[in-house]
Amino acid sequence: TRACRLAVQAAFDSGVDHVRWVAIAGNHASRRVAEGIGVRVEGQVRRLVEQRGTWRDGWIGTLLREEVR
């Protein structure tokens, strides 16, 4: 979580407006980290992520610069 928070802060410091997070649906560890740094999980998208030649459903979320805690 700390490493992700630092990476996101570096992105915002360099001028990025928002960060998009994507994970395979069901990856609860990734989701906990994302939510822990303030990412708003916005939904599940069918066939969002390709993993080893297979399309998987995924979660997607965003963190806006003004939402950083």
Foldseek 3Di string as FASTA:
>chain_A
DVVVLVVVVVCVVVPDFKDKDKDFPPPVVVVVVCVVQPWDWDDKDFQPDADPNDGGIMIMTMDGPVRGD
